[in-house]
Protein backbone atom coordinates (compact mmCIF):
# COMPACT_ATOMS: atom_id res chain seq x y z
CA UNK A 1 -0.65 0.78 14.35
CA UNK A 2 0.94 4.05 13.33
CA UNK A 3 -0.68 5.18 10.20
CA UNK A 4 1.13 8.57 9.99
CA UNK A 5 1.47 10.02 6.22
CA UNK A 6 5.35 9.70 6.13
CA UNK A 7 4.97 6.31 7.21
CA UNK A 8 2.59 5.36 4.50
CA UNK A 9 4.22 7.04 2.00
CA UNK A 10 7.33 5.15 2.72
CA UNK A 11 5.48 1.99 2.71
CA UNK A 12 3.52 2.81 -0.61
CA UNK A 13 7.07 3.36 -2.20
CA UNK A 14 8.34 0.21 -0.90
CA UNK A 15 5.20 -1.60 -2.37
CA UNK A 16 5.85 0.33 -5.94
CA UNK A 17 9.15 -1.77 -5.77
CA UNK A 18 7.19 -5.17 -5.00
CA UNK A 19 8.07 -5.41 -1.49
CA UNK A 20 5.54 -7.89 -0.31
CA UNK A 21 6.37 -7.26 3.31
CA UNK A 22 5.78 -3.53 2.82
CA UNK A 23 2.37 -4.54 1.25
CA UNK A 24 1.37 -6.79 4.17
CA UNK A 25 2.35 -3.58 6.50
CA UNK A 26 0.24 -1.34 4.50
CA UNK A 27 -2.72 -3.82 4.65
CA UNK A 28 -2.52 -4.06 8.44
CA UNK A 29 -2.23 -0.54 8.90
CA UNK A 30 -5.11 0.69 6.54
CA UNK A 31 -7.62 -2.23 5.88
CA UNK A 32 -9.62 -1.40 8.98
CA UNK A 33 -10.54 2.03 7.69
CA UNK A 34 -10.83 0.99 4.00
CA UNK A 35 -12.98 -1.75 4.80
CA UNK A 36 -15.35 0.82 6.38
CA UNK A 37 -15.37 3.01 3.23
CA UNK A 38 -16.46 0.12 1.38
CA UNK A 39 -18.96 -1.15 3.85
CA UNK A 40 -20.50 2.43 3.89
CA UNK A 41 -20.93 2.51 0.17
CA UNK A 42 -21.94 -1.03 -0.31
CA UNK A 43 -23.76 -2.02 3.03
CA UNK A 44 -23.01 -5.59 2.69
CA UNK A 45 -20.13 -7.12 4.54
CA UNK A 46 -19.45 -9.86 1.95
CA UNK A 47 -19.41 -7.36 -0.93
CA UNK A 48 -17.48 -4.83 1.12
CA UNK A 49 -14.69 -7.51 1.55
CA UNK A 50 -14.64 -8.19 -2.04
CA UNK A 51 -14.27 -4.50 -2.77
CA UNK A 52 -11.44 -4.26 -0.28
CA UNK A 53 -9.61 -7.11 -1.79
CA UNK A 54 -10.22 -5.47 -5.23
CA UNK A 55 -9.03 -2.12 -3.95
CA UNK A 56 -5.69 -3.96 -2.56
CA UNK A 57 -5.13 -5.59 -6.08
CA UNK A 58 -5.20 -2.02 -7.59
CA UNK A 59 -2.96 -0.60 -4.78
CA UNK A 60 -0.16 -3.20 -5.45
CA UNK A 61 -0.63 -2.75 -9.31
CA UNK A 62 -0.52 0.90 -9.30
CA UNK A 63 1.62 1.86 -6.21
CA UNK A 64 4.06 3.31 -8.67
CA UNK A 65 1.77 6.15 -9.57
CA UNK A 66 1.17 7.42 -6.02
CA UNK A 67 2.91 10.89 -6.22
CA UNK A 68 3.90 12.47 -2.79
CA UNK A 69 2.42 15.84 -2.39
CA UNK A 70 -0.52 15.51 -4.75
CA UNK A 71 -2.58 13.76 -2.13
CA UNK A 72 -2.06 12.32 1.50
CA UNK A 73 -1.65 8.51 1.34
CA UNK A 74 -4.59 7.68 3.20
CA UNK A 75 -6.73 9.88 0.59
CA UNK A 76 -5.29 8.16 -2.04
CA UNK A 77 -5.95 4.67 -0.70
CA UNK A 78 -9.43 5.80 0.40
CA UNK A 79 -10.02 6.99 -2.93
CA UNK A 80 -9.14 3.64 -4.50
CA UNK A 81 -11.28 1.75 -2.00
CA UNK A 82 -14.18 4.03 -2.54
CA UNK A 83 -13.97 4.00 -6.32
CA UNK A 84 -13.95 -0.25 -6.20
CA UNK A 85 -16.79 -0.16 -3.93
CA UNK A 86 -18.70 2.20 -6.12
CA UNK A 87 -17.75 -0.18 -9.23
CA UNK A 88 -19.03 -3.23 -7.27
CA UNK A 89 -22.27 -1.22 -6.34
CA UNK A 90 -22.95 -0.49 -10.13
CA UNK A 91 -22.18 -4.00 -11.16
CA UNK A 92 -24.69 -5.21 -8.56
CA UNK A 93 -27.30 -2.74 -9.47
CA UNK A 94 -26.64 -3.92 -13.30
CA UNK A 95 -27.03 -7.61 -11.96
CA UNK A 96 -30.04 -7.13 -9.91
CA UNK A 97 -31.88 -4.68 -12.17
CA UNK A 98 -32.75 -2.16 -9.55
CA UNK A 99 -33.36 -4.65 -6.65
CA UNK A 100 -32.60 -3.16 -3.28
CA UNK A 101 -29.92 -4.50 -1.24
CA UNK A 102 -30.30 -5.32 2.49
CA UNK A 103 -28.32 -2.90 4.69
CA UNK A 104 -25.93 -4.40 7.31
CA UNK A 105 -24.95 -1.79 9.64
CA UNK A 106 -21.81 -2.97 10.84
CA UNK A 107 -18.60 -1.29 12.27
CA UNK A 108 -15.21 -1.64 10.45
CA UNK A 109 -12.97 -4.30 12.23
CA UNK A 110 -9.68 -3.40 14.01
CA UNK A 111 -8.25 -0.01 15.19
CA UNK A 112 -7.60 1.06 18.67
CA UNK A 113 -8.33 4.23 20.83
CA UNK A 114 -5.67 6.27 19.12
CA UNK A 115 -6.82 5.35 15.60
CA UNK A 116 -10.52 6.12 16.61
CA UNK A 117 -9.44 9.50 17.84
CA UNK A 118 -7.65 10.20 14.64
CA UNK A 119 -10.60 9.04 12.56
CA UNK A 120 -12.95 11.17 14.70
CA UNK A 121 -10.94 14.34 14.36
CA UNK A 122 -10.77 13.96 10.39
CA UNK A 123 -14.48 13.06 10.39
CA UNK A 124 -15.20 16.32 12.29
CA UNK A 125 -12.96 18.37 9.93
CA UNK A 126 -14.75 16.95 6.84
CA UNK A 127 -18.35 17.51 8.33
CA UNK A 128 -17.32 21.13 9.23
CA UNK A 129 -15.85 21.43 5.49
CA UNK A 130 -19.14 19.84 4.14
CA UNK A 131 -21.22 22.35 6.07
CA UNK A 132 -19.60 25.10 4.29
CA UNK A 133 -20.75 23.95 0.97
CA UNK A 134 -24.40 24.92 -0.25
CA UNK A 135 -26.90 22.22 0.60
CA UNK A 136 -27.65 21.02 -3.16
CA UNK A 137 -23.95 20.72 -3.52
CA UNK A 138 -23.35 18.82 -0.17
CA UNK A 139 -26.38 16.45 -1.20
CA UNK A 140 -24.58 15.82 -4.45
CA UNK A 141 -21.25 14.95 -2.94
CA UNK A 142 -22.96 12.74 -0.41
CA UNK A 143 -24.99 11.06 -3.27
CA UNK A 144 -21.61 10.66 -5.25
CA UNK A 145 -19.08 9.74 -2.88
CA UNK A 146 -20.92 7.92 0.12
CA UNK A 147 -23.99 6.71 -1.93
CA UNK A 148 -22.29 5.62 -5.07
CA UNK A 149 -24.70 7.54 -7.25
CA UNK A 150 -23.43 8.07 -10.95
CA UNK A 151 -23.33 11.75 -12.15
CA UNK A 152 -26.44 10.75 -14.43
CA UNK A 153 -28.65 9.76 -11.36
CA UNK A 154 -27.52 12.87 -9.49
CA UNK A 155 -28.35 15.19 -12.44
CA UNK A 156 -31.90 13.71 -12.57
CA UNK A 157 -32.41 13.71 -8.86
CA UNK A 158 -31.25 17.43 -8.59
CA UNK A 159 -33.10 18.53 -11.83
CA UNK A 160 -29.71 19.77 -13.60
CA UNK A 161 -27.91 19.14 -16.68
CA UNK A 162 -25.19 16.38 -16.66
CA UNK A 163 -22.38 18.84 -17.20
CA UNK A 164 -23.74 21.04 -14.33
CA UNK A 165 -23.50 18.18 -11.88
CA UNK A 166 -20.11 17.53 -12.97
CA UNK A 167 -19.00 21.06 -12.28
CA UNK A 168 -20.91 21.04 -8.92
CA UNK A 169 -18.84 18.09 -7.98
CA UNK A 170 -15.61 19.26 -9.15
CA UNK A 171 -16.02 22.81 -7.52
CA UNK A 172 -17.36 21.07 -4.40
CA UNK A 173 -14.25 18.87 -4.30
CA UNK A 174 -12.02 21.71 -4.62
CA UNK A 175 -13.93 23.68 -1.96
CA UNK A 176 -13.48 20.68 0.23
CA UNK A 177 -9.65 20.13 -0.52
CA UNK A 178 -9.13 23.81 0.38
CA UNK A 179 -10.99 23.54 3.64
CA UNK A 180 -9.14 20.47 4.59
CA UNK A 181 -5.77 22.19 3.93
CA UNK A 182 -6.52 24.89 6.24
């Protein structure tokens, strides 16, 4: 289960050409981590599975848009999965008009010790970089990217104008990107 950046980039390039075997390979290498992302946002196994499926449909349809050097392949895939999960959470919120969902604290399937070590290392780096942000920016990033909150929700929660919240998040992401690149 090697998921190195170069291998994933090559895999995504082949998917962009319509290579079904490459798509199967990409799914096998990344679905466990992407499922974990969806589950973290949605907190419901069934809905996370649906969001993961939606994410891979988007990957199949948009693989040609991936640009080497703009983002790491795993970052690109995680962004697609996270956005699919956030969209699903918003749809669910609209359907239930504010009803709380039951949380299911489940681990993502798959992955061996090597993959787990890589994920832990990346998580440690992200936590350290998040620690460099001011507390209000850190809370806003967590709300947006882990909690699926909208800009409006975050602006109300933090008592700032909508455009200020957008600026906070944009600047926080730039700071995180720079920190992760060090």
